[in-house]
Amino acid sequence: MKALLEFIPPEDWDLAQAIDAARLPAHIAIIMDGNGRWARRRRLPRVAGHQAGVGPVRSTVEMCSHLGLRVLTLYAFSLENWKRPRTEVDTLWRLLGYYLRQELPDLQKNDIRLQAIGRLEALPPLVRRELESAVAATANNRGLLVNLAINYSGRAEIVDAVNSILEIARLDGSIGSLKLDEELISSNLYTAVFPDPDLLIRTSGEMRISNFLLWQIAYAELYVTETLWPDFTRRDLLLAILEYQKRDRRYGGLSTGPEGPRHVHDVPKTDDEALIEMLRPS
């Protein structure tokens, strides 16, 4: 905690000290939304919003690293984003290249490993080379894993996983006896090597998932903030983590609060239930 307090400004110390270090999420995923609206409110072109969004990526990565999180997944570019104007898409690729070049020394210094998920084979050749170079350069780092979702779609990921399973079964002759289950599908997802997200953050106030990590967020805690991504600060991240730590994560089970699990027979009967008991034959 001392290292964290040295990293953040004094006005955020109160939030940092309220964090329970034993209950941090292992994996945070973020839908970085609101760049366009941020620019529009300032009467700037949309690309200005994307440029302003680079800073919060840097501060969020640094903060997650200092907190000791295992994985941070950032939704950088979706399959659907190809529908945007060509100039905007080209700007996004240039910004990605700029980020990779500028941040690589800090990633190395902080022992941060970079990885990417999505249909990466469809990326422009130069972008793909820069991405592969950064991934290779940080491959031996053992700190925070920063996972960039690029040319990504949650549905496409599940389709790719199933097709991979089918292809392997065809090659080894087991297609006739193949049975799909959750474990098999999970082990063939892009994210098979790291834990599912504990906390999904979405900026800009939109109440939707946007085809992001559809399989993996089955039991993630959702946190939506009205803050637009270019305005997202370390304090916003701390607020999201504090809210996460207030949640009672049951995974479909019973509450494990201070009074312990509540069972069906512990719940007081309603008047109707008591009447049914009275009328039930002995």
Protein backbone atom coordinates (compact mmCIF):
# COMPACT_ATOMS: atom_id res chain seq x y z
CA MET A 1 0.00 0.00 0.00
CA LYS A 2 2.91 2.36 0.71
CA ALA A 3 4.10 2.05 -2.91
CA LEU A 4 0.58 2.83 -4.12
CA LEU A 5 0.31 5.95 -1.94
CA GLU A 6 3.62 7.17 -3.33
CA PHE A 7 2.24 6.74 -6.86
CA ILE A 8 -1.11 8.54 -6.52
CA PRO A 9 -1.84 12.18 -5.57
CA PRO A 10 -2.69 12.92 -1.90
CA GLU A 11 -6.33 13.71 -2.75
CA ASP A 12 -6.82 10.04 -3.65
CA TRP A 13 -5.20 8.59 -0.52
CA ASP A 14 -8.55 8.28 1.26
CA LEU A 15 -9.88 5.95 -1.44
CA ALA A 16 -6.66 3.96 -1.69
CA GLN A 17 -6.58 3.36 2.06
CA ALA A 18 -10.19 2.12 1.95
CA ILE A 19 -9.26 -0.63 -0.52
CA ASP A 20 -9.09 -4.13 0.95
CA ALA A 21 -5.91 -5.54 -0.58
CA ALA A 22 -7.08 -9.08 0.17
CA ARG A 23 -10.23 -8.67 -1.93
CA LEU A 24 -8.92 -7.08 -5.10
CA PRO A 25 -10.31 -8.36 -8.40
CA ALA A 26 -7.81 -10.60 -10.17
CA HIS A 27 -9.04 -9.47 -13.59
CA ILE A 28 -10.63 -6.15 -14.58
CA ALA A 29 -12.09 -5.66 -18.05
CA ILE A 30 -12.98 -2.20 -19.37
CA ILE A 31 -15.19 -1.01 -22.21
CA MET A 32 -13.53 2.32 -22.97
CA ASP A 33 -16.51 4.29 -24.27
CA GLY A 34 -17.22 7.98 -24.78
CA ASN A 35 -14.34 9.31 -26.87
CA GLY A 36 -16.67 10.62 -29.58
CA ARG A 37 -19.01 12.35 -27.14
CA TRP A 38 -16.07 13.88 -25.30
CA ALA A 39 -14.90 15.45 -28.56
CA ARG A 40 -18.38 16.50 -29.65
CA ARG A 41 -19.03 18.35 -26.40
CA ARG A 42 -15.88 20.36 -27.10
CA ARG A 43 -16.74 20.86 -30.78
CA LEU A 44 -13.68 18.87 -31.78
CA PRO A 45 -13.34 16.13 -34.41
CA ARG A 46 -13.92 12.58 -33.15
CA VAL A 47 -10.25 11.73 -33.57
CA ALA A 48 -9.45 14.29 -30.86
CA GLY A 49 -11.45 12.15 -28.44
CA HIS A 50 -9.44 9.06 -29.36
CA GLN A 51 -6.21 10.99 -28.86
CA ALA A 52 -7.41 12.18 -25.44
CA GLY A 53 -8.22 8.57 -24.55
CA VAL A 54 -4.56 7.48 -24.65
CA GLY A 55 -3.76 9.17 -21.33
CA PRO A 56 -6.37 7.23 -19.33
CA VAL A 57 -5.07 3.98 -20.83
CA ARG A 58 -1.61 4.81 -19.50
CA SER A 59 -2.82 5.80 -16.01
CA THR A 60 -5.16 2.81 -15.73
CA VAL A 61 -2.41 0.36 -16.70
CA GLU A 62 -0.03 1.95 -14.18
CA MET A 63 -2.67 1.91 -11.43
CA CYS A 64 -3.58 -1.75 -11.98
CA SER A 65 0.12 -2.63 -11.93
CA HIS A 66 0.70 -0.81 -8.63
CA LEU A 67 -2.38 -2.47 -7.12
CA GLY A 68 -0.95 -5.88 -7.99
CA LEU A 69 -3.78 -7.03 -10.26
CA ARG A 70 -3.16 -10.05 -12.46
CA VAL A 71 -5.01 -9.10 -15.66
CA LEU A 72 -6.40 -5.94 -17.28
CA THR A 73 -8.36 -6.36 -20.52
CA LEU A 74 -9.10 -3.24 -22.58
CA TYR A 75 -11.67 -3.22 -25.40
CA ALA A 76 -9.64 -1.31 -27.99
CA PHE A 77 -11.28 -2.10 -31.34
CA SER A 78 -14.31 -4.26 -32.14
CA LEU A 79 -15.16 -6.11 -35.34
CA GLU A 80 -18.03 -3.65 -35.72
CA ASN A 81 -15.68 -0.65 -35.61
CA TRP A 82 -14.72 -1.28 -39.24
CA LYS A 83 -18.07 0.36 -40.10
CA ARG A 84 -16.74 3.74 -38.97
CA PRO A 85 -15.30 6.28 -41.44
CA ARG A 86 -12.00 5.22 -42.97
CA THR A 87 -10.19 8.29 -41.61
CA GLU A 88 -11.28 7.47 -38.06
CA VAL A 89 -10.23 3.82 -38.36
CA ASP A 90 -6.83 4.84 -39.76
CA THR A 91 -6.39 7.24 -36.84
CA LEU A 92 -7.13 4.45 -34.37
CA TRP A 93 -4.39 2.31 -35.93
CA ARG A 94 -1.91 5.17 -35.79
CA LEU A 95 -2.74 5.78 -32.14
CA LEU A 96 -2.26 2.10 -31.37
CA GLY A 97 1.18 2.16 -32.98
CA TYR A 98 2.04 5.35 -31.11
CA TYR A 99 0.96 3.82 -27.79
CA LEU A 100 2.98 0.65 -28.36
CA ARG A 101 6.14 2.60 -29.22
CA GLN A 102 5.82 5.18 -26.47
CA GLU A 103 4.78 2.86 -23.65
CA LEU A 104 7.09 -0.08 -24.28
CA PRO A 105 9.91 1.27 -22.03
CA ASP A 106 7.47 1.78 -19.13
CA LEU A 107 5.91 -1.64 -19.69
CA GLN A 108 9.35 -3.17 -19.41
CA LYS A 109 10.29 -1.11 -16.37
CA ASN A 110 7.12 -2.15 -14.54
CA ASP A 111 7.40 -5.82 -15.57
CA ILE A 112 4.09 -5.60 -17.49
CA ARG A 113 3.30 -8.19 -20.14
CA LEU A 114 1.30 -7.27 -23.24
CA GLN A 115 -1.02 -9.61 -25.10
CA ALA A 116 -3.75 -9.20 -27.72
CA ILE A 117 -6.95 -11.12 -28.47
CA GLY A 118 -9.26 -10.99 -31.46
CA ARG A 119 -9.03 -11.82 -35.15
CA LEU A 120 -5.56 -10.35 -35.37
CA GLU A 121 -4.83 -11.82 -38.80
CA ALA A 122 -7.16 -9.18 -40.31
CA LEU A 123 -5.19 -6.22 -38.94
CA PRO A 124 -3.24 -4.00 -41.35
CA PRO A 125 0.24 -5.53 -41.83
CA LEU A 126 2.15 -2.67 -40.19
CA VAL A 127 -0.17 -2.62 -37.17
CA ARG A 128 0.15 -6.37 -36.79
CA ARG A 129 3.94 -6.25 -36.94
CA GLU A 130 4.13 -3.50 -34.30
CA LEU A 131 1.73 -5.40 -32.07
CA GLU A 132 3.60 -8.69 -32.43
CA SER A 133 6.89 -6.92 -31.71
CA ALA A 134 5.55 -5.41 -28.46
CA VAL A 135 4.02 -8.72 -27.37
CA ALA A 136 7.32 -10.54 -28.01
CA ALA A 137 9.37 -7.86 -26.23
CA THR A 138 7.31 -8.19 -23.02
CA ALA A 139 6.76 -11.97 -23.17
CA ASN A 140 9.11 -12.71 -20.25
CA ASN A 141 7.61 -10.11 -17.91
CA ARG A 142 5.74 -11.51 -14.92
CA GLY A 143 3.74 -8.60 -13.57
CA LEU A 144 0.36 -7.33 -14.73
CA LEU A 145 -0.93 -8.82 -17.99
CA VAL A 146 -2.43 -6.11 -20.21
CA ASN A 147 -4.72 -7.75 -22.70
CA LEU A 148 -5.77 -5.64 -25.71
CA ALA A 149 -8.99 -6.76 -27.41
CA ILE A 150 -8.42 -5.72 -31.02
CA ASN A 151 -10.66 -6.60 -33.96
CA TYR A 152 -12.58 -8.45 -31.29
CA SER A 153 -16.14 -9.75 -30.98
CA GLY A 154 -17.49 -11.92 -28.17
CA ARG A 155 -19.69 -13.89 -30.55
CA ALA A 156 -16.84 -14.35 -33.03
CA GLU A 157 -14.63 -15.63 -30.22
CA ILE A 158 -17.14 -18.35 -29.32
CA VAL A 159 -17.55 -19.27 -33.00
CA ASP A 160 -13.76 -19.46 -33.40
CA ALA A 161 -13.49 -21.65 -30.29
CA VAL A 162 -16.11 -24.11 -31.54
CA ASN A 163 -14.56 -24.23 -35.02
CA SER A 164 -11.15 -24.92 -33.46
CA ILE A 165 -12.60 -27.80 -31.45
CA LEU A 166 -14.27 -29.25 -34.55
CA GLU A 167 -11.10 -28.95 -36.61
CA ILE A 168 -9.01 -30.76 -34.00
CA ALA A 169 -11.66 -33.49 -33.75
CA ARG A 170 -11.67 -33.95 -37.53
CA LEU A 171 -7.88 -34.22 -37.62
CA ASP A 172 -7.63 -36.79 -34.84
CA GLY A 173 -10.67 -38.76 -35.98
CA SER A 174 -12.78 -38.14 -32.86
CA ILE A 175 -15.54 -36.09 -34.51
CA GLY A 176 -18.06 -38.90 -34.15
CA SER A 177 -17.70 -39.06 -30.37
CA LEU A 178 -17.16 -35.34 -29.76
CA LYS A 179 -19.17 -33.84 -26.91
CA LEU A 180 -19.00 -30.15 -26.19
CA ASP A 181 -19.03 -28.89 -22.62
CA GLU A 182 -18.19 -25.63 -20.86
CA GLU A 183 -14.66 -26.69 -19.96
CA LEU A 184 -13.83 -27.65 -23.54
CA ILE A 185 -15.15 -24.39 -24.96
CA SER A 186 -13.43 -22.30 -22.26
CA SER A 187 -10.11 -23.98 -23.00
CA ASN A 188 -10.35 -22.91 -26.66
CA LEU A 189 -11.25 -19.26 -26.12
CA TYR A 190 -8.73 -16.49 -26.77
CA THR A 191 -8.62 -15.97 -22.99
CA ALA A 192 -8.03 -19.62 -22.01
CA VAL A 193 -4.75 -18.88 -20.21
CA PHE A 194 -6.08 -16.35 -17.69
CA PRO A 195 -9.01 -16.05 -15.24
CA ASP A 196 -12.41 -14.69 -16.20
CA PRO A 197 -13.04 -11.03 -15.33
CA ASP A 198 -14.19 -10.31 -11.79
CA LEU A 199 -15.14 -6.72 -12.61
CA LEU A 200 -16.37 -5.22 -15.88
CA ILE A 201 -16.22 -1.42 -16.06
CA ARG A 202 -18.02 0.57 -18.74
CA THR A 203 -17.54 4.30 -19.11
CA SER A 204 -19.97 6.87 -20.61
CA GLY A 205 -23.10 5.54 -18.89
CA GLU A 206 -24.25 3.15 -21.62
CA MET A 207 -26.04 0.11 -20.17
CA ARG A 208 -24.92 -2.57 -22.59
CA ILE A 209 -22.16 -5.13 -23.03
CA SER A 210 -21.37 -4.38 -26.71
CA ASN A 211 -20.38 -7.93 -27.63
CA PHE A 212 -17.45 -7.96 -25.18
CA LEU A 213 -16.26 -11.14 -23.43
CA LEU A 214 -19.77 -12.60 -23.57
CA TRP A 215 -18.72 -16.03 -22.30
CA GLN A 216 -16.23 -14.83 -19.68
CA ILE A 217 -18.38 -12.24 -17.86
CA ALA A 218 -21.07 -14.72 -16.77
CA TYR A 219 -20.37 -13.91 -13.10
CA ALA A 220 -18.50 -10.62 -13.40
CA GLU A 221 -19.64 -7.64 -11.37
CA LEU A 222 -20.78 -4.82 -13.66
CA TYR A 223 -19.90 -1.20 -12.93
CA VAL A 224 -21.13 1.62 -15.17
CA THR A 225 -19.94 5.19 -14.72
CA GLU A 226 -21.18 8.32 -16.48
CA THR A 227 -17.56 9.44 -16.84
CA LEU A 228 -16.42 9.54 -20.47
CA TRP A 229 -13.26 7.57 -21.16
CA PRO A 230 -10.95 10.58 -21.79
CA ASP A 231 -11.97 11.89 -18.33
CA PHE A 232 -11.44 8.52 -16.56
CA THR A 233 -8.88 8.93 -13.77
CA ARG A 234 -7.12 6.82 -11.15
CA ARG A 235 -9.79 7.99 -8.72
CA ASP A 236 -12.53 6.63 -10.99
CA LEU A 237 -10.77 3.26 -11.02
CA LEU A 238 -10.49 3.24 -7.23
CA LEU A 239 -14.20 4.07 -6.92
CA ALA A 240 -15.05 1.13 -9.20
CA ILE A 241 -12.91 -1.25 -7.13
CA LEU A 242 -14.45 -0.02 -3.87
CA GLU A 243 -17.92 -0.61 -5.28
CA TYR A 244 -16.84 -4.08 -6.38
CA GLN A 245 -15.67 -4.86 -2.85
CA LYS A 246 -19.10 -3.96 -1.47
CA ARG A 247 -20.78 -6.60 -3.63
CA ASP A 248 -21.76 -10.04 -2.30
CA ARG A 249 -20.50 -12.42 -5.00
CA ARG A 250 -22.65 -15.57 -4.77
CA TYR A 251 -22.03 -17.22 -8.18
CA GLY A 252 -25.62 -18.47 -8.14
CA GLY A 253 -25.32 -19.75 -4.56
CA LEU A 254 -26.40 -18.34 -1.20
CA SER A 255 -25.25 -15.25 0.63
CA THR A 256 -22.07 -15.56 2.66
CA GLY A 257 -22.61 -12.35 4.62
CA PRO A 258 -21.94 -11.89 8.34
CA GLU A 259 -24.97 -13.99 9.29
CA GLY A 260 -23.83 -16.85 7.07
CA PRO A 261 -25.76 -18.59 4.27
CA ARG A 262 -29.54 -18.48 4.43
CA HIS A 263 -31.35 -21.68 3.57
CA VAL A 264 -34.91 -22.14 2.43
CA HIS A 265 -36.03 -23.49 5.81
CA ASP A 266 -34.57 -20.40 7.54
CA VAL A 267 -36.94 -18.01 5.74
CA PRO A 268 -40.12 -17.21 7.72
CA LYS A 269 -43.26 -18.65 6.16
CA THR A 270 -45.82 -16.30 4.65
CA ASP A 271 -49.48 -16.50 5.71
CA ASP A 272 -50.28 -18.48 2.55
CA GLU A 273 -47.49 -20.95 3.23
CA ALA A 274 -48.65 -21.40 6.85
CA LEU A 275 -52.21 -22.07 5.64
CA ILE A 276 -50.95 -24.68 3.18
CA GLU A 277 -49.05 -26.38 6.01
CA MET A 278 -52.23 -26.49 8.13
CA LEU A 279 -54.27 -28.05 5.28
CA ARG A 280 -51.59 -30.57 4.28
CA PRO A 281 -52.65 -34.15 5.17
CA SER A 282 -50.63 -35.61 8.05
